[in-house]
PDBML (XML) file of the C-alpha atoms, coordinates in Angstrom:
<?xml version="1.0" encoding="UTF-8" ?>
<PDBx:datablock datablockName="MODEL"
   xmlns:PDBx="http://pdbml.pdb.org/schema/pdbx-v50.xsd"
   xmlns:xsi="http://www.w3.org/2001/XMLSchema-instance"
   xsi:schemaLocation="http://pdbml.pdb.org/schema/pdbx-v50.xsd pdbx-v50.xsd">
   <PDBx:atom_siteCategory>
      <PDBx:atom_site id="1">
         <PDBx:B_iso_or_equiv>0.00</PDBx:B_iso_or_equiv>
         <PDBx:Cartn_x>168.503</PDBx:Cartn_x>
         <PDBx:Cartn_y>-53.109</PDBx:Cartn_y>
         <PDBx:Cartn_z>167.406</PDBx:Cartn_z>
         <PDBx:auth_asym_id>A</PDBx:auth_asym_id>
         <PDBx:auth_atom_id>CA</PDBx:auth_atom_id>
         <PDBx:auth_comp_id>GLY</PDBx:auth_comp_id>
         <PDBx:auth_seq_id>1</PDBx:auth_seq_id>
         <PDBx:group_PDB>ATOM</PDBx:group_PDB>
         <PDBx:label_alt_id xsi:nil="true" />
         <PDBx:label_asym_id>A</PDBx:label_asym_id>
         <PDBx:label_atom_id>CA</PDBx:label_atom_id>
         <PDBx:label_comp_id>GLY</PDBx:label_comp_id>
         <PDBx:label_entity_id>1</PDBx:label_entity_id>
         <PDBx:label_seq_id>1</PDBx:label_seq_id>
         <PDBx:occupancy>1.00</PDBx:occupancy>
         <PDBx:pdbx_PDB_model_num>1</PDBx:pdbx_PDB_model_num>
         <PDBx:type_symbol>C</PDBx:type_symbol>
      </PDBx:atom_site>
      <PDBx:atom_site id="2">
         <PDBx:B_iso_or_equiv>0.00</PDBx:B_iso_or_equiv>
         <PDBx:Cartn_x>167.120</PDBx:Cartn_x>
         <PDBx:Cartn_y>-50.593</PDBx:Cartn_y>
         <PDBx:Cartn_z>167.173</PDBx:Cartn_z>
         <PDBx:auth_asym_id>A</PDBx:auth_asym_id>
         <PDBx:auth_atom_id>CA</PDBx:auth_atom_id>
         <PDBx:auth_comp_id>PRO</PDBx:auth_comp_id>
         <PDBx:auth_seq_id>2</PDBx:auth_seq_id>
         <PDBx:group_PDB>ATOM</PDBx:group_PDB>
         <PDBx:label_alt_id xsi:nil="true" />
         <PDBx:label_asym_id>A</PDBx:label_asym_id>
         <PDBx:label_atom_id>CA</PDBx:label_atom_id>
         <PDBx:label_comp_id>PRO</PDBx:label_comp_id>
         <PDBx:label_entity_id>1</PDBx:label_entity_id>
         <PDBx:label_seq_id>2</PDBx:label_seq_id>
         <PDBx:occupancy>1.00</PDBx:occupancy>
         <PDBx:pdbx_PDB_model_num>1</PDBx:pdbx_PDB_model_num>
         <PDBx:type_symbol>C</PDBx:type_symbol>
      </PDBx:atom_site>
      <PDBx:atom_site id="3">
         <PDBx:B_iso_or_equiv>0.00</PDBx:B_iso_or_equiv>
         <PDBx:Cartn_x>166.386</PDBx:Cartn_x>
         <PDBx:Cartn_y>-51.052</PDBx:Cartn_y>
         <PDBx:Cartn_z>163.514</PDBx:Cartn_z>
         <PDBx:auth_asym_id>A</PDBx:auth_asym_id>
         <PDBx:auth_atom_id>CA</PDBx:auth_atom_id>
         <PDBx:auth_comp_id>VAL</PDBx:auth_comp_id>
         <PDBx:auth_seq_id>3</PDBx:auth_seq_id>
         <PDBx:group_PDB>ATOM</PDBx:group_PDB>
         <PDBx:label_alt_id xsi:nil="true" />
         <PDBx:label_asym_id>A</PDBx:label_asym_id>
         <PDBx:label_atom_id>CA</PDBx:label_atom_id>
         <PDBx:label_comp_id>VAL</PDBx:label_comp_id>
         <PDBx:label_entity_id>1</PDBx:label_entity_id>
         <PDBx:label_seq_id>3</PDBx:label_seq_id>
         <PDBx:occupancy>1.00</PDBx:occupancy>
         <PDBx:pdbx_PDB_model_num>1</PDBx:pdbx_PDB_model_num>
         <PDBx:type_symbol>C</PDBx:type_symbol>
      </PDBx:atom_site>
      <PDBx:atom_site id="4">
         <PDBx:B_iso_or_equiv>0.00</PDBx:B_iso_or_equiv>
         <PDBx:Cartn_x>164.095</PDBx:Cartn_x>
         <PDBx:Cartn_y>-48.784</PDBx:Cartn_y>
         <PDBx:Cartn_z>161.163</PDBx:Cartn_z>
         <PDBx:auth_asym_id>A</PDBx:auth_asym_id>
         <PDBx:auth_atom_id>CA</PDBx:auth_atom_id>
         <PDBx:auth_comp_id>PRO</PDBx:auth_comp_id>
         <PDBx:auth_seq_id>4</PDBx:auth_seq_id>
         <PDBx:group_PDB>ATOM</PDBx:group_PDB>
         <PDBx:label_alt_id xsi:nil="true" />
         <PDBx:label_asym_id>A</PDBx:label_asym_id>
         <PDBx:label_atom_id>CA</PDBx:label_atom_id>
         <PDBx:label_comp_id>PRO</PDBx:label_comp_id>
         <PDBx:label_entity_id>1</PDBx:label_entity_id>
         <PDBx:label_seq_id>4</PDBx:label_seq_id>
         <PDBx:occupancy>1.00</PDBx:occupancy>
         <PDBx:pdbx_PDB_model_num>1</PDBx:pdbx_PDB_model_num>
         <PDBx:type_symbol>C</PDBx:type_symbol>
      </PDBx:atom_site>
      <PDBx:atom_site id="5">
         <PDBx:B_iso_or_equiv>0.00</PDBx:B_iso_or_equiv>
         <PDBx:Cartn_x>160.624</PDBx:Cartn_x>
         <PDBx:Cartn_y>-49.861</PDBx:Cartn_y>
         <PDBx:Cartn_z>160.823</PDBx:Cartn_z>
         <PDBx:auth_asym_id>A</PDBx:auth_asym_id>
         <PDBx:auth_atom_id>CA</PDBx:auth_atom_id>
         <PDBx:auth_comp_id>VAL</PDBx:auth_comp_id>
         <PDBx:auth_seq_id>5</PDBx:auth_seq_id>
         <PDBx:group_PDB>ATOM</PDBx:group_PDB>
         <PDBx:label_alt_id xsi:nil="true" />
         <PDBx:label_asym_id>A</PDBx:label_asym_id>
         <PDBx:label_atom_id>CA</PDBx:label_atom_id>
         <PDBx:label_comp_id>VAL</PDBx:label_comp_id>
         <PDBx:label_entity_id>1</PDBx:label_entity_id>
         <PDBx:label_seq_id>5</PDBx:label_seq_id>
         <PDBx:occupancy>1.00</PDBx:occupancy>
         <PDBx:pdbx_PDB_model_num>1</PDBx:pdbx_PDB_model_num>
         <PDBx:type_symbol>C</PDBx:type_symbol>
      </PDBx:atom_site>
      <PDBx:atom_site id="6">
         <PDBx:B_iso_or_equiv>0.00</PDBx:B_iso_or_equiv>
         <PDBx:Cartn_x>158.530</PDBx:Cartn_x>
         <PDBx:Cartn_y>-49.232</PDBx:Cartn_y>
         <PDBx:Cartn_z>157.734</PDBx:Cartn_z>
         <PDBx:auth_asym_id>A</PDBx:auth_asym_id>
         <PDBx:auth_atom_id>CA</PDBx:auth_atom_id>
         <PDBx:auth_comp_id>THR</PDBx:auth_comp_id>
         <PDBx:auth_seq_id>6</PDBx:auth_seq_id>
         <PDBx:group_PDB>ATOM</PDBx:group_PDB>
         <PDBx:label_alt_id xsi:nil="true" />
         <PDBx:label_asym_id>A</PDBx:label_asym_id>
         <PDBx:label_atom_id>CA</PDBx:label_atom_id>
         <PDBx:label_comp_id>THR</PDBx:label_comp_id>
         <PDBx:label_entity_id>1</PDBx:label_entity_id>
         <PDBx:label_seq_id>6</PDBx:label_seq_id>
         <PDBx:occupancy>1.00</PDBx:occupancy>
         <PDBx:pdbx_PDB_model_num>1</PDBx:pdbx_PDB_model_num>
         <PDBx:type_symbol>C</PDBx:type_symbol>
      </PDBx:atom_site>
      <PDBx:atom_site id="7">
         <PDBx:B_iso_or_equiv>0.00</PDBx:B_iso_or_equiv>
         <PDBx:Cartn_x>155.031</PDBx:Cartn_x>
         <PDBx:Cartn_y>-48.555</PDBx:Cartn_y>
         <PDBx:Cartn_z>158.446</PDBx:Cartn_z>
         <PDBx:auth_asym_id>A</PDBx:auth_asym_id>
         <PDBx:auth_atom_id>CA</PDBx:auth_atom_id>
         <PDBx:auth_comp_id>ALA</PDBx:auth_comp_id>
         <PDBx:auth_seq_id>7</PDBx:auth_seq_id>
         <PDBx:group_PDB>ATOM</PDBx:group_PDB>
         <PDBx:label_alt_id xsi:nil="true" />
         <PDBx:label_asym_id>A</PDBx:label_asym_id>
         <PDBx:label_atom_id>CA</PDBx:label_atom_id>
         <PDBx:label_comp_id>ALA</PDBx:label_comp_id>
         <PDBx:label_entity_id>1</PDBx:label_entity_id>
         <PDBx:label_seq_id>7</PDBx:label_seq_id>
         <PDBx:occupancy>1.00</PDBx:occupancy>
         <PDBx:pdbx_PDB_model_num>1</PDBx:pdbx_PDB_model_num>
         <PDBx:type_symbol>C</PDBx:type_symbol>
      </PDBx:atom_site>
      <PDBx:atom_site id="8">
         <PDBx:B_iso_or_equiv>0.00</PDBx:B_iso_or_equiv>
         <PDBx:Cartn_x>152.240</PDBx:Cartn_x>
         <PDBx:Cartn_y>-49.257</PDBx:Cartn_y>
         <PDBx:Cartn_z>156.186</PDBx:Cartn_z>
         <PDBx:auth_asym_id>A</PDBx:auth_asym_id>
         <PDBx:auth_atom_id>CA</PDBx:auth_atom_id>
         <PDBx:auth_comp_id>PRO</PDBx:auth_comp_id>
         <PDBx:auth_seq_id>8</PDBx:auth_seq_id>
         <PDBx:group_PDB>ATOM</PDBx:group_PDB>
         <PDBx:label_alt_id xsi:nil="true" />
         <PDBx:label_asym_id>A</PDBx:label_asym_id>
         <PDBx:label_atom_id>CA</PDBx:label_atom_id>
         <PDBx:label_comp_id>PRO</PDBx:label_comp_id>
         <PDBx:label_entity_id>1</PDBx:label_entity_id>
         <PDBx:label_seq_id>8</PDBx:label_seq_id>
         <PDBx:occupancy>1.00</PDBx:occupancy>
         <PDBx:pdbx_PDB_model_num>1</PDBx:pdbx_PDB_model_num>
         <PDBx:type_symbol>C</PDBx:type_symbol>
      </PDBx:atom_site>
      <PDBx:atom_site id="9">
         <PDBx:B_iso_or_equiv>0.00</PDBx:B_iso_or_equiv>
         <PDBx:Cartn_x>150.730</PDBx:Cartn_x>
         <PDBx:Cartn_y>-46.050</PDBx:Cartn_y>
         <PDBx:Cartn_z>154.671</PDBx:Cartn_z>
         <PDBx:auth_asym_id>A</PDBx:auth_asym_id>
         <PDBx:auth_atom_id>CA</PDBx:auth_atom_id>
         <PDBx:auth_comp_id>ARG</PDBx:auth_comp_id>
         <PDBx:auth_seq_id>9</PDBx:auth_seq_id>
         <PDBx:group_PDB>ATOM</PDBx:group_PDB>
         <PDBx:label_alt_id xsi:nil="true" />
         <PDBx:label_asym_id>A</PDBx:label_asym_id>
         <PDBx:label_atom_id>CA</PDBx:label_atom_id>
         <PDBx:label_comp_id>ARG</PDBx:label_comp_id>
         <PDBx:label_entity_id>1</PDBx:label_entity_id>
         <PDBx:label_seq_id>9</PDBx:label_seq_id>
         <PDBx:occupancy>1.00</PDBx:occupancy>
         <PDBx:pdbx_PDB_model_num>1</PDBx:pdbx_PDB_model_num>
         <PDBx:type_symbol>C</PDBx:type_symbol>
      </PDBx:atom_site>
      <PDBx:atom_site id="10">
         <PDBx:B_iso_or_equiv>0.00</PDBx:B_iso_or_equiv>
         <PDBx:Cartn_x>147.396</PDBx:Cartn_x>
         <PDBx:Cartn_y>-45.012</PDBx:Cartn_y>
         <PDBx:Cartn_z>156.480</PDBx:Cartn_z>
         <PDBx:auth_asym_id>A</PDBx:auth_asym_id>
         <PDBx:auth_atom_id>CA</PDBx:auth_atom_id>
         <PDBx:auth_comp_id>ARG</PDBx:auth_comp_id>
         <PDBx:auth_seq_id>10</PDBx:auth_seq_id>
         <PDBx:group_PDB>ATOM</PDBx:group_PDB>
         <PDBx:label_alt_id xsi:nil="true" />
         <PDBx:label_asym_id>A</PDBx:label_asym_id>
         <PDBx:label_atom_id>CA</PDBx:label_atom_id>
         <PDBx:label_comp_id>ARG</PDBx:label_comp_id>
         <PDBx:label_entity_id>1</PDBx:label_entity_id>
         <PDBx:label_seq_id>10</PDBx:label_seq_id>
         <PDBx:occupancy>1.00</PDBx:occupancy>
         <PDBx:pdbx_PDB_model_num>1</PDBx:pdbx_PDB_model_num>
         <PDBx:type_symbol>C</PDBx:type_symbol>
      </PDBx:atom_site>
      <PDBx:atom_site id="11">
         <PDBx:B_iso_or_equiv>0.00</PDBx:B_iso_or_equiv>
         <PDBx:Cartn_x>144.220</PDBx:Cartn_x>
         <PDBx:Cartn_y>-44.585</PDBx:Cartn_y>
         <PDBx:Cartn_z>154.309</PDBx:Cartn_z>
         <PDBx:auth_asym_id>A</PDBx:auth_asym_id>
         <PDBx:auth_atom_id>CA</PDBx:auth_atom_id>
         <PDBx:auth_comp_id>PRO</PDBx:auth_comp_id>
         <PDBx:auth_seq_id>11</PDBx:auth_seq_id>
         <PDBx:group_PDB>ATOM</PDBx:group_PDB>
         <PDBx:label_alt_id xsi:nil="true" />
         <PDBx:label_asym_id>A</PDBx:label_asym_id>
         <PDBx:label_atom_id>CA</PDBx:label_atom_id>
         <PDBx:label_comp_id>PRO</PDBx:label_comp_id>
         <PDBx:label_entity_id>1</PDBx:label_entity_id>
         <PDBx:label_seq_id>11</PDBx:label_seq_id>
         <PDBx:occupancy>1.00</PDBx:occupancy>
         <PDBx:pdbx_PDB_model_num>1</PDBx:pdbx_PDB_model_num>
         <PDBx:type_symbol>C</PDBx:type_symbol>
      </PDBx:atom_site>
      <PDBx:atom_site id="12">
         <PDBx:B_iso_or_equiv>0.00</PDBx:B_iso_or_equiv>
         <PDBx:Cartn_x>143.446</PDBx:Cartn_x>
         <PDBx:Cartn_y>-40.980</PDBx:Cartn_y>
         <PDBx:Cartn_z>153.543</PDBx:Cartn_z>
         <PDBx:auth_asym_id>A</PDBx:auth_asym_id>
         <PDBx:auth_atom_id>CA</PDBx:auth_atom_id>
         <PDBx:auth_comp_id>GLY</PDBx:auth_comp_id>
         <PDBx:auth_seq_id>12</PDBx:auth_seq_id>
         <PDBx:group_PDB>ATOM</PDBx:group_PDB>
         <PDBx:label_alt_id xsi:nil="true" />
         <PDBx:label_asym_id>A</PDBx:label_asym_id>
         <PDBx:label_atom_id>CA</PDBx:label_atom_id>
         <PDBx:label_comp_id>GLY</PDBx:label_comp_id>
         <PDBx:label_entity_id>1</PDBx:label_entity_id>
         <PDBx:label_seq_id>12</PDBx:label_seq_id>
         <PDBx:occupancy>1.00</PDBx:occupancy>
         <PDBx:pdbx_PDB_model_num>1</PDBx:pdbx_PDB_model_num>
         <PDBx:type_symbol>C</PDBx:type_symbol>
      </PDBx:atom_site>
      <PDBx:atom_site id="13">
         <PDBx:B_iso_or_equiv>0.00</PDBx:B_iso_or_equiv>
         <PDBx:Cartn_x>147.106</PDBx:Cartn_x>
         <PDBx:Cartn_y>-39.649</PDBx:Cartn_y>
         <PDBx:Cartn_z>154.225</PDBx:Cartn_z>
         <PDBx:auth_asym_id>A</PDBx:auth_asym_id>
         <PDBx:auth_atom_id>CA</PDBx:auth_atom_id>
         <PDBx:auth_comp_id>SER</PDBx:auth_comp_id>
         <PDBx:auth_seq_id>13</PDBx:auth_seq_id>
         <PDBx:group_PDB>ATOM</PDBx:group_PDB>
         <PDBx:label_alt_id xsi:nil="true" />
         <PDBx:label_asym_id>A</PDBx:label_asym_id>
         <PDBx:label_atom_id>CA</PDBx:label_atom_id>
         <PDBx:label_comp_id>SER</PDBx:label_comp_id>
         <PDBx:label_entity_id>1</PDBx:label_entity_id>
         <PDBx:label_seq_id>13</PDBx:label_seq_id>
         <PDBx:occupancy>1.00</PDBx:occupancy>
         <PDBx:pdbx_PDB_model_num>1</PDBx:pdbx_PDB_model_num>
         <PDBx:type_symbol>C</PDBx:type_symbol>
      </PDBx:atom_site>
      <PDBx:atom_site id="14">
         <PDBx:B_iso_or_equiv>0.00</PDBx:B_iso_or_equiv>
         <PDBx:Cartn_x>148.682</PDBx:Cartn_x>
         <PDBx:Cartn_y>-37.631</PDBx:Cartn_y>
         <PDBx:Cartn_z>151.596</PDBx:Cartn_z>
         <PDBx:auth_asym_id>A</PDBx:auth_asym_id>
         <PDBx:auth_atom_id>CA</PDBx:auth_atom_id>
         <PDBx:auth_comp_id>GLY</PDBx:auth_comp_id>
         <PDBx:auth_seq_id>14</PDBx:auth_seq_id>
         <PDBx:group_PDB>ATOM</PDBx:group_PDB>
         <PDBx:label_alt_id xsi:nil="true" />
         <PDBx:label_asym_id>A</PDBx:label_asym_id>
         <PDBx:label_atom_id>CA</PDBx:label_atom_id>
         <PDBx:label_comp_id>GLY</PDBx:label_comp_id>
         <PDBx:label_entity_id>1</PDBx:label_entity_id>
         <PDBx:label_seq_id>14</PDBx:label_seq_id>
         <PDBx:occupancy>1.00</PDBx:occupancy>
         <PDBx:pdbx_PDB_model_num>1</PDBx:pdbx_PDB_model_num>
         <PDBx:type_symbol>C</PDBx:type_symbol>
      </PDBx:atom_site>
      <PDBx:atom_site id="15">
         <PDBx:B_iso_or_equiv>0.00</PDBx:B_iso_or_equiv>
         <PDBx:Cartn_x>147.378</PDBx:Cartn_x>
         <PDBx:Cartn_y>-35.995</PDBx:Cartn_y>
         <PDBx:Cartn_z>148.331</PDBx:Cartn_z>
         <PDBx:auth_asym_id>A</PDBx:auth_asym_id>
         <PDBx:auth_atom_id>CA</PDBx:auth_atom_id>
         <PDBx:auth_comp_id>SER</PDBx:auth_comp_id>
         <PDBx:auth_seq_id>15</PDBx:auth_seq_id>
         <PDBx:group_PDB>ATOM</PDBx:group_PDB>
         <PDBx:label_alt_id xsi:nil="true" />
         <PDBx:label_asym_id>A</PDBx:label_asym_id>
         <PDBx:label_atom_id>CA</PDBx:label_atom_id>
         <PDBx:label_comp_id>SER</PDBx:label_comp_id>
         <PDBx:label_entity_id>1</PDBx:label_entity_id>
         <PDBx:label_seq_id>15</PDBx:label_seq_id>
         <PDBx:occupancy>1.00</PDBx:occupancy>
         <PDBx:pdbx_PDB_model_num>1</PDBx:pdbx_PDB_model_num>
         <PDBx:type_symbol>C</PDBx:type_symbol>
      </PDBx:atom_site>
      <PDBx:atom_site id="16">
         <PDBx:B_iso_or_equiv>0.00</PDBx:B_iso_or_equiv>
         <PDBx:Cartn_x>145.851</PDBx:Cartn_x>
         <PDBx:Cartn_y>-33.050</PDBx:Cartn_y>
         <PDBx:Cartn_z>150.315</PDBx:Cartn_z>
         <PDBx:auth_asym_id>A</PDBx:auth_asym_id>
         <PDBx:auth_atom_id>CA</PDBx:auth_atom_id>
         <PDBx:auth_comp_id>GLY</PDBx:auth_comp_id>
         <PDBx:auth_seq_id>16</PDBx:auth_seq_id>
         <PDBx:group_PDB>ATOM</PDBx:group_PDB>
         <PDBx:label_alt_id xsi:nil="true" />
         <PDBx:label_asym_id>A</PDBx:label_asym_id>
         <PDBx:label_atom_id>CA</PDBx:label_atom_id>
         <PDBx:label_comp_id>GLY</PDBx:label_comp_id>
         <PDBx:label_entity_id>1</PDBx:label_entity_id>
         <PDBx:label_seq_id>16</PDBx:label_seq_id>
         <PDBx:occupancy>1.00</PDBx:occupancy>
         <PDBx:pdbx_PDB_model_num>1</PDBx:pdbx_PDB_model_num>
         <PDBx:type_symbol>C</PDBx:type_symbol>
      </PDBx:atom_site>
      <PDBx:atom_site id="17">
         <PDBx:B_iso_or_equiv>0.00</PDBx:B_iso_or_equiv>
         <PDBx:Cartn_x>142.571</PDBx:Cartn_x>
         <PDBx:Cartn_y>-34.597</PDBx:Cartn_y>
         <PDBx:Cartn_z>151.253</PDBx:Cartn_z>
         <PDBx:auth_asym_id>A</PDBx:auth_asym_id>
         <PDBx:auth_atom_id>CA</PDBx:auth_atom_id>
         <PDBx:auth_comp_id>ARG</PDBx:auth_comp_id>
         <PDBx:auth_seq_id>17</PDBx:auth_seq_id>
         <PDBx:group_PDB>ATOM</PDBx:group_PDB>
         <PDBx:label_alt_id xsi:nil="true" />
         <PDBx:label_asym_id>A</PDBx:label_asym_id>
         <PDBx:label_atom_id>CA</PDBx:label_atom_id>
         <PDBx:label_comp_id>ARG</PDBx:label_comp_id>
         <PDBx:label_entity_id>1</PDBx:label_entity_id>
         <PDBx:label_seq_id>17</PDBx:label_seq_id>
         <PDBx:occupancy>1.00</PDBx:occupancy>
         <PDBx:pdbx_PDB_model_num>1</PDBx:pdbx_PDB_model_num>
         <PDBx:type_symbol>C</PDBx:type_symbol>
      </PDBx:atom_site>
      <PDBx:atom_site id="18">
         <PDBx:B_iso_or_equiv>0.00</PDBx:B_iso_or_equiv>
         <PDBx:Cartn_x>141.065</PDBx:Cartn_x>
         <PDBx:Cartn_y>-33.787</PDBx:Cartn_y>
         <PDBx:Cartn_z>154.553</PDBx:Cartn_z>
         <PDBx:auth_asym_id>A</PDBx:auth_asym_id>
         <PDBx:auth_atom_id>CA</PDBx:auth_atom_id>
         <PDBx:auth_comp_id>GLY</PDBx:auth_comp_id>
         <PDBx:auth_seq_id>18</PDBx:auth_seq_id>
         <PDBx:group_PDB>ATOM</PDBx:group_PDB>
         <PDBx:label_alt_id xsi:nil="true" />
         <PDBx:label_asym_id>A</PDBx:label_asym_id>
         <PDBx:label_atom_id>CA</PDBx:label_atom_id>
         <PDBx:label_comp_id>GLY</PDBx:label_comp_id>
         <PDBx:label_entity_id>1</PDBx:label_entity_id>
         <PDBx:label_seq_id>18</PDBx:label_seq_id>
         <PDBx:occupancy>1.00</PDBx:occupancy>
         <PDBx:pdbx_PDB_model_num>1</PDBx:pdbx_PDB_model_num>
         <PDBx:type_symbol>C</PDBx:type_symbol>
      </PDBx:atom_site>
      <PDBx:atom_site id="19">
         <PDBx:B_iso_or_equiv>0.00</PDBx:B_iso_or_equiv>
         <PDBx:Cartn_x>142.126</PDBx:Cartn_x>
         <PDBx:Cartn_y>-30.126</PDBx:Cartn_y>
         <PDBx:Cartn_z>154.976</PDBx:Cartn_z>
         <PDBx:auth_asym_id>A</PDBx:auth_asym_id>
         <PDBx:auth_atom_id>CA</PDBx:auth_atom_id>
         <PDBx:auth_comp_id>GLY</PDBx:auth_comp_id>
         <PDBx:auth_seq_id>19</PDBx:auth_seq_id>
         <PDBx:group_PDB>ATOM</PDBx:group_PDB>
         <PDBx:label_alt_id xsi:nil="true" />
         <PDBx:label_asym_id>A</PDBx:label_asym_id>
         <PDBx:label_atom_id>CA</PDBx:label_atom_id>
         <PDBx:label_comp_id>GLY</PDBx:label_comp_id>
         <PDBx:label_entity_id>1</PDBx:label_entity_id>
         <PDBx:label_seq_id>19</PDBx:label_seq_id>
         <PDBx:occupancy>1.00</PDBx:occupancy>
         <PDBx:pdbx_PDB_model_num>1</PDBx:pdbx_PDB_model_num>
         <PDBx:type_symbol>C</PDBx:type_symbol>
      </PDBx:atom_site>
      <PDBx:atom_site id="20">
         <PDBx:B_iso_or_equiv>0.00</PDBx:B_iso_or_equiv>
         <PDBx:Cartn_x>145.212</PDBx:Cartn_x>
         <PDBx:Cartn_y>-28.510</PDBx:Cartn_y>
         <PDBx:Cartn_z>156.211</PDBx:Cartn_z>
         <PDBx:auth_asym_id>A</PDBx:auth_asym_id>
         <PDBx:auth_atom_id>CA</PDBx:auth_atom_id>
         <PDBx:auth_comp_id>PRO</PDBx:auth_comp_id>
         <PDBx:auth_seq_id>20</PDBx:auth_seq_id>
         <PDBx:group_PDB>ATOM</PDBx:group_PDB>
         <PDBx:label_alt_id xsi:nil="true" />
         <PDBx:label_asym_id>A</PDBx:label_asym_id>
         <PDBx:label_atom_id>CA</PDBx:label_atom_id>
         <PDBx:label_comp_id>PRO</PDBx:label_comp_id>
         <PDBx:label_entity_id>1</PDBx:label_entity_id>
         <PDBx:label_seq_id>20</PDBx:label_seq_id>
         <PDBx:occupancy>1.00</PDBx:occupancy>
         <PDBx:pdbx_PDB_model_num>1</PDBx:pdbx_PDB_model_num>
         <PDBx:type_symbol>C</PDBx:type_symbol>
      </PDBx:atom_site>
      <PDBx:atom_site id="21">
         <PDBx:B_iso_or_equiv>0.00</PDBx:B_iso_or_equiv>
         <PDBx:Cartn_x>147.884</PDBx:Cartn_x>
         <PDBx:Cartn_y>-30.638</PDBx:Cartn_y>
         <PDBx:Cartn_z>157.896</PDBx:Cartn_z>
         <PDBx:auth_asym_id>A</PDBx:auth_asym_id>
         <PDBx:auth_atom_id>CA</PDBx:auth_atom_id>
         <PDBx:auth_comp_id>PRO</PDBx:auth_comp_id>
         <PDBx:auth_seq_id>21</PDBx:auth_seq_id>
         <PDBx:group_PDB>ATOM</PDBx:group_PDB>
         <PDBx:label_alt_id xsi:nil="true" />
         <PDBx:label_asym_id>A</PDBx:label_asym_id>
         <PDBx:label_atom_id>CA</PDBx:label_atom_id>
         <PDBx:label_comp_id>PRO</PDBx:label_comp_id>
         <PDBx:label_entity_id>1</PDBx:label_entity_id>
         <PDBx:label_seq_id>21</PDBx:label_seq_id>
         <PDBx:occupancy>1.00</PDBx:occupancy>
         <PDBx:pdbx_PDB_model_num>1</PDBx:pdbx_PDB_model_num>
         <PDBx:type_symbol>C</PDBx:type_symbol>
      </PDBx:atom_site>
      <PDBx:atom_site id="22">
         <PDBx:B_iso_or_equiv>0.00</PDBx:B_iso_or_equiv>
         <PDBx:Cartn_x>147.849</PDBx:Cartn_x>
         <PDBx:Cartn_y>-30.759</PDBx:Cartn_y>
         <PDBx:Cartn_z>161.644</PDBx:Cartn_z>
         <PDBx:auth_asym_id>A</PDBx:auth_asym_id>
         <PDBx:auth_atom_id>CA</PDBx:auth_atom_id>
         <PDBx:auth_comp_id>GLY</PDBx:auth_comp_id>
         <PDBx:auth_seq_id>22</PDBx:auth_seq_id>
         <PDBx:group_PDB>ATOM</PDBx:group_PDB>
         <PDBx:label_alt_id xsi:nil="true" />
         <PDBx:label_asym_id>A</PDBx:label_asym_id>
         <PDBx:label_atom_id>CA</PDBx:label_atom_id>
         <PDBx:label_comp_id>GLY</PDBx:label_comp_id>
         <PDBx:label_entity_id>1</PDBx:label_entity_id>
         <PDBx:label_seq_id>22</PDBx:label_seq_id>
         <PDBx:occupancy>1.00</PDBx:occupancy>
         <PDBx:pdbx_PDB_model_num>1</PDBx:pdbx_PDB_model_num>
         <PDBx:type_symbol>C</PDBx:type_symbol>
      </PDBx:atom_site>
      <PDBx:atom_site id="23">
         <PDBx:B_iso_or_equiv>0.00</PDBx:B_iso_or_equiv>
         <PDBx:Cartn_x>150.719</PDBx:Cartn_x>
         <PDBx:Cartn_y>-31.365</PDBx:Cartn_y>
         <PDBx:Cartn_z>164.012</PDBx:Cartn_z>
         <PDBx:auth_asym_id>A</PDBx:auth_asym_id>
         <PDBx:auth_atom_id>CA</PDBx:auth_atom_id>
         <PDBx:auth_comp_id>PRO</PDBx:auth_comp_id>
         <PDBx:auth_seq_id>23</PDBx:auth_seq_id>
         <PDBx:group_PDB>ATOM</PDBx:group_PDB>
         <PDBx:label_alt_id xsi:nil="true" />
         <PDBx:label_asym_id>A</PDBx:label_asym_id>
         <PDBx:label_atom_id>CA</PDBx:label_atom_id>
         <PDBx:label_comp_id>PRO</PDBx:label_comp_id>
         <PDBx:label_entity_id>1</PDBx:label_entity_id>
         <PDBx:label_seq_id>23</PDBx:label_seq_id>
         <PDBx:occupancy>1.00</PDBx:occupancy>
         <PDBx:pdbx_PDB_model_num>1</PDBx:pdbx_PDB_model_num>
         <PDBx:type_symbol>C</PDBx:type_symbol>
      </PDBx:atom_site>
      <PDBx:atom_site id="24">
         <PDBx:B_iso_or_equiv>0.00</PDBx:B_iso_or_equiv>
         <PDBx:Cartn_x>152.811</PDBx:Cartn_x>
         <PDBx:Cartn_y>-34.380</PDBx:Cartn_y>
         <PDBx:Cartn_z>163.378</PDBx:Cartn_z>
         <PDBx:auth_asym_id>A</PDBx:auth_asym_id>
         <PDBx:auth_atom_id>CA</PDBx:auth_atom_id>
         <PDBx:auth_comp_id>PRO</PDBx:auth_comp_id>
         <PDBx:auth_seq_id>24</PDBx:auth_seq_id>
         <PDBx:group_PDB>ATOM</PDBx:group_PDB>
         <PDBx:label_alt_id xsi:nil="true" />
         <PDBx:label_asym_id>A</PDBx:label_asym_id>
         <PDBx:label_atom_id>CA</PDBx:label_atom_id>
         <PDBx:label_comp_id>PRO</PDBx:label_comp_id>
         <PDBx:label_entity_id>1</PDBx:label_entity_id>
         <PDBx:label_seq_id>24</PDBx:label_seq_id>
         <PDBx:occupancy>1.00</PDBx:occupancy>
         <PDBx:pdbx_PDB_model_num>1</PDBx:pdbx_PDB_model_num>
         <PDBx:type_symbol>C</PDBx:type_symbol>
      </PDBx:atom_site>
      <PDBx:atom_site id="25">
         <PDBx:B_iso_or_equiv>0.00</PDBx:B_iso_or_equiv>
         <PDBx:Cartn_x>151.689</PDBx:Cartn_x>
         <PDBx:Cartn_y>-37.475</PDBx:Cartn_y>
         <PDBx:Cartn_z>165.141</PDBx:Cartn_z>
         <PDBx:auth_asym_id>A</PDBx:auth_asym_id>
         <PDBx:auth_atom_id>CA</PDBx:auth_atom_id>
         <PDBx:auth_comp_id>GLU</PDBx:auth_comp_id>
         <PDBx:auth_seq_id>25</PDBx:auth_seq_id>
         <PDBx:group_PDB>ATOM</PDBx:group_PDB>
         <PDBx:label_alt_id xsi:nil="true" />
         <PDBx:label_asym_id>A</PDBx:label_asym_id>
         <PDBx:label_atom_id>CA</PDBx:label_atom_id>
         <PDBx:label_comp_id>GLU</PDBx:label_comp_id>
         <PDBx:label_entity_id>1</PDBx:label_entity_id>
         <PDBx:label_seq_id>25</PDBx:label_seq_id>
         <PDBx:occupancy>1.00</PDBx:occupancy>
         <PDBx:pdbx_PDB_model_num>1</PDBx:pdbx_PDB_model_num>
         <PDBx:type_symbol>C</PDBx:type_symbol>
      </PDBx:atom_site>
   </PDBx:atom_siteCategory>
</PDBx:datablock>
C-alpha cells in the first residue's frame, strides 16, 4: 500500500444536525 480506506459513516454526521460545522477532524 497505501490504499484508500472507506470509513463507515458516523451517526449524526451530515444533514445539518448539531449546529455549525467545526474544524475538520
